[in-house]
Amino acid sequence: MKLVTFIFVIGSILFGVVLFQVKYRVSSLESQLQVVEKKIADNQEIIKVCQAEWSYLTQPDRLQKLSDQFLGLKPLLHNQVVDLYEVMRVVEEENLVQAVLQGHVVSGEGS
């Protein structure tokens, strides 16, 4: 009878140690899970803010105003459009960089 009691006590102690280790590991994993869930929530909030900023920044009216203010782009005039063959002729005659610098390609001379 004493052997059975001894085995039962040793088994209970071992079971208690294993149960304590499992409980400690579960607590550790739960705290890690909370950290990850907090990071996910923070990132989702950041994504929402970025989407709102992107939506504001890409508004067509705003982009048009900025384009007018900083780029000064104007519609093409009929004499600014040149034929591809004219461009190739100018490139064959001189270096492309020189052609652009002298305005041959952009101005459409010879059209």
C-alpha atoms as a PDB file:
ATOM      1  CA  MET A   1       0.000   0.000   0.000  1.00  0.00           C
ATOM      2  CA  LYS A   2       2.860   2.349   0.766  1.00  0.00           C
ATOM      3  CA  LEU A   3       4.268   1.861  -2.769  1.00  0.00           C
ATOM      4  CA  VAL A   4       0.963   2.819  -4.369  1.00  0.00           C
ATOM      5  CA  THR A   5       0.738   5.910  -2.160  1.00  0.00           C
ATOM      6  CA  PHE A   6       4.339   6.855  -2.997  1.00  0.00           C
ATOM      7  CA  ILE A   7       3.707   6.464  -6.755  1.00  0.00           C
ATOM      8  CA  PHE A   8       0.490   8.480  -6.442  1.00  0.00           C
ATOM      9  CA  VAL A   9       2.303  11.316  -4.613  1.00  0.00           C
ATOM     10  CA  ILE A  10       5.193  11.365  -7.133  1.00  0.00           C
ATOM     11  CA  GLY A  11       2.676  11.283 -10.021  1.00  0.00           C
ATOM     12  CA  SER A  12       0.689  14.138  -8.469  1.00  0.00           C
ATOM     13  CA  ILE A  13       3.850  16.219  -8.059  1.00  0.00           C
ATOM     14  CA  LEU A  14       4.928  15.558 -11.657  1.00  0.00           C
ATOM     15  CA  PHE A  15       1.423  16.349 -12.887  1.00  0.00           C
ATOM     16  CA  GLY A  16       1.454  19.607 -10.908  1.00  0.00           C
ATOM     17  CA  VAL A  17       4.842  20.628 -12.364  1.00  0.00           C
ATOM     18  CA  VAL A  18       3.719  19.864 -15.929  1.00  0.00           C
ATOM     19  CA  LEU A  19       0.435  21.701 -15.351  1.00  0.00           C
ATOM     20  CA  PHE A  20       2.332  24.742 -14.008  1.00  0.00           C
ATOM     21  CA  GLN A  21       4.643  24.772 -17.048  1.00  0.00           C
ATOM     22  CA  VAL A  22       1.693  24.514 -19.454  1.00  0.00           C
ATOM     23  CA  LYS A  23      -0.120  27.310 -17.630  1.00  0.00           C
ATOM     24  CA  TYR A  24       2.999  29.510 -17.742  1.00  0.00           C
ATOM     25  CA  ARG A  25       3.468  28.833 -21.466  1.00  0.00           C
ATOM     26  CA  VAL A  26      -0.206  29.611 -22.204  1.00  0.00           C
ATOM     27  CA  SER A  27       0.089  32.895 -20.283  1.00  0.00           C
ATOM     28  CA  SER A  28       3.195  33.784 -22.277  1.00  0.00           C
ATOM     29  CA  LEU A  29       1.476  32.988 -25.573  1.00  0.00           C
ATOM     30  CA  GLU A  30      -1.609  34.996 -24.567  1.00  0.00           C
ATOM     31  CA  SER A  31       0.512  38.057 -23.828  1.00  0.00           C
ATOM     32  CA  GLN A  32       2.275  37.651 -27.189  1.00  0.00           C
ATOM     33  CA  LEU A  33      -1.123  37.359 -28.857  1.00  0.00           C
ATOM     34  CA  GLN A  34      -2.284  40.591 -27.210  1.00  0.00           C
ATOM     35  CA  VAL A  35       0.841  42.388 -28.474  1.00  0.00           C
ATOM     36  CA  VAL A  36       0.280  41.103 -32.009  1.00  0.00           C
ATOM     37  CA  GLU A  37      -3.426  42.016 -31.924  1.00  0.00           C
ATOM     38  CA  LYS A  38      -2.511  45.532 -30.724  1.00  0.00           C
ATOM     39  CA  LYS A  39      -0.023  45.905 -33.585  1.00  0.00           C
ATOM     40  CA  ILE A  40      -2.660  44.700 -36.058  1.00  0.00           C
ATOM     41  CA  ALA A  41      -5.188  47.220 -34.736  1.00  0.00           C
ATOM     42  CA  ASP A  42      -2.592  50.020 -34.894  1.00  0.00           C
ATOM     43  CA  ASN A  43      -1.646  49.080 -38.460  1.00  0.00           C
ATOM     44  CA  GLN A  44      -5.292  48.947 -39.509  1.00  0.00           C
ATOM     45  CA  GLU A  45      -5.757  52.439 -38.095  1.00  0.00           C
ATOM     46  CA  ILE A  46      -2.653  53.642 -39.954  1.00  0.00           C
ATOM     47  CA  ILE A  47      -4.010  52.100 -43.169  1.00  0.00           C
ATOM     48  CA  LYS A  48      -7.326  53.931 -42.717  1.00  0.00           C
ATOM     49  CA  VAL A  49      -5.508  57.236 -42.189  1.00  0.00           C
ATOM     50  CA  CYS A  50      -3.302  56.620 -45.233  1.00  0.00           C
ATOM     51  CA  GLN A  51      -6.337  55.772 -47.362  1.00  0.00           C
ATOM     52  CA  ALA A  52      -8.040  58.987 -46.265  1.00  0.00           C
ATOM     53  CA  GLU A  53      -4.899  61.000 -47.022  1.00  0.00           C
ATOM     54  CA  TRP A  54      -4.536  59.316 -50.421  1.00  0.00           C
ATOM     55  CA  SER A  55      -8.167  60.031 -51.199  1.00  0.00           C
ATOM     56  CA  TYR A  56      -7.633  63.702 -50.360  1.00  0.00           C
ATOM     57  CA  LEU A  57      -4.330  63.984 -52.207  1.00  0.00           C
ATOM     58  CA  THR A  58      -5.668  62.448 -55.418  1.00  0.00           C
ATOM     59  CA  GLN A  59      -8.815  64.545 -55.750  1.00  0.00           C
ATOM     60  CA  PRO A  60      -9.012  65.653 -59.390  1.00  0.00           C
ATOM     61  CA  ASP A  61      -9.837  69.273 -58.532  1.00  0.00           C
ATOM     62  CA  ARG A  62      -6.879  69.502 -56.170  1.00  0.00           C
ATOM     63  CA  LEU A  63      -4.535  67.902 -58.705  1.00  0.00           C
ATOM     64  CA  GLN A  64      -5.759  70.274 -61.416  1.00  0.00           C
ATOM     65  CA  LYS A  65      -5.109  73.280 -59.171  1.00  0.00           C
ATOM     66  CA  LEU A  66      -1.599  72.051 -58.341  1.00  0.00           C
ATOM     67  CA  SER A  67      -0.913  71.291 -61.978  1.00  0.00           C
ATOM     68  CA  ASP A  68      -1.934  74.796 -63.001  1.00  0.00           C
ATOM     69  CA  GLN A  69       0.092  76.319 -60.179  1.00  0.00           C
ATOM     70  CA  PHE A  70       3.359  74.406 -60.555  1.00  0.00           C
ATOM     71  CA  LEU A  71       3.522  72.825 -63.997  1.00  0.00           C
ATOM     72  CA  GLY A  72       2.121  75.500 -66.236  1.00  0.00           C
ATOM     73  CA  LEU A  73       1.042  72.935 -68.801  1.00  0.00           C
ATOM     74  CA  LYS A  74      -0.997  74.119 -71.745  1.00  0.00           C
ATOM     75  CA  PRO A  75      -2.769  72.245 -74.543  1.00  0.00           C
ATOM     76  CA  LEU A  76      -0.666  71.400 -77.588  1.00  0.00           C
ATOM     77  CA  LEU A  77      -0.830  73.709 -80.555  1.00  0.00           C
ATOM     78  CA  HIS A  78      -1.179  72.314 -84.059  1.00  0.00           C
ATOM     79  CA  ASN A  79       2.384  73.317 -84.969  1.00  0.00           C
ATOM     80  CA  GLN A  80       3.815  71.425 -81.989  1.00  0.00           C
ATOM     81  CA  VAL A  81       2.724  68.047 -83.329  1.00  0.00           C
ATOM     82  CA  VAL A  82       5.231  66.486 -85.706  1.00  0.00           C
ATOM     83  CA  ASP A  83       5.258  63.370 -87.782  1.00  0.00           C
ATOM     84  CA  LEU A  84       7.402  60.476 -86.574  1.00  0.00           C
ATOM     85  CA  TYR A  85       9.242  60.440 -89.875  1.00  0.00           C
ATOM     86  CA  GLU A  86      10.218  64.085 -89.338  1.00  0.00           C
ATOM     87  CA  VAL A  87      11.607  63.210 -85.924  1.00  0.00           C
ATOM     88  CA  MET A  88      13.582  60.327 -87.392  1.00  0.00           C
ATOM     89  CA  ARG A  89      14.936  62.601 -90.157  1.00  0.00           C
ATOM     90  CA  VAL A  90      16.168  65.133 -87.589  1.00  0.00           C
ATOM     91  CA  VAL A  91      17.700  62.378 -85.465  1.00  0.00           C
ATOM     92  CA  GLU A  92      19.504  60.986 -88.470  1.00  0.00           C
ATOM     93  CA  GLU A  93      20.894  64.420 -89.308  1.00  0.00           C
ATOM     94  CA  GLU A  94      22.265  65.202 -85.870  1.00  0.00           C
ATOM     95  CA  ASN A  95      22.487  63.909 -82.353  1.00  0.00           C
ATOM     96  CA  LEU A  96      19.117  63.612 -80.587  1.00  0.00           C
ATOM     97  CA  VAL A  97      20.299  65.711 -77.655  1.00  0.00           C
ATOM     98  CA  GLN A  98      21.393  68.486 -80.009  1.00  0.00           C
ATOM     99  CA  ALA A  99      18.067  68.295 -81.815  1.00  0.00           C
ATOM    100  CA  VAL A 100      16.138  68.734 -78.574  1.00  0.00           C
ATOM    101  CA  LEU A 101      18.396  71.545 -77.368  1.00  0.00           C
ATOM    102  CA  GLN A 102      18.021  73.409 -80.646  1.00  0.00           C
ATOM    103  CA  GLY A 103      14.266  72.918 -80.642  1.00  0.00           C
ATOM    104  CA  HIS A 104      13.984  70.958 -83.888  1.00  0.00           C
ATOM    105  CA  VAL A 105      12.073  68.052 -82.402  1.00  0.00           C
ATOM    106  CA  VAL A 106       9.795  70.043 -80.114  1.00  0.00           C
ATOM    107  CA  SER A 107       8.858  72.949 -82.374  1.00  0.00           C
ATOM    108  CA  GLY A 108       7.877  70.822 -85.373  1.00  0.00           C
ATOM    109  CA  GLU A 109       9.915  72.791 -87.898  1.00  0.00           C
ATOM    110  CA  GLY A 110       9.481  71.490 -91.419  1.00  0.00           C
ATOM    111  CA  SER A 111       5.858  70.352 -90.834  1.00  0.00           C
END
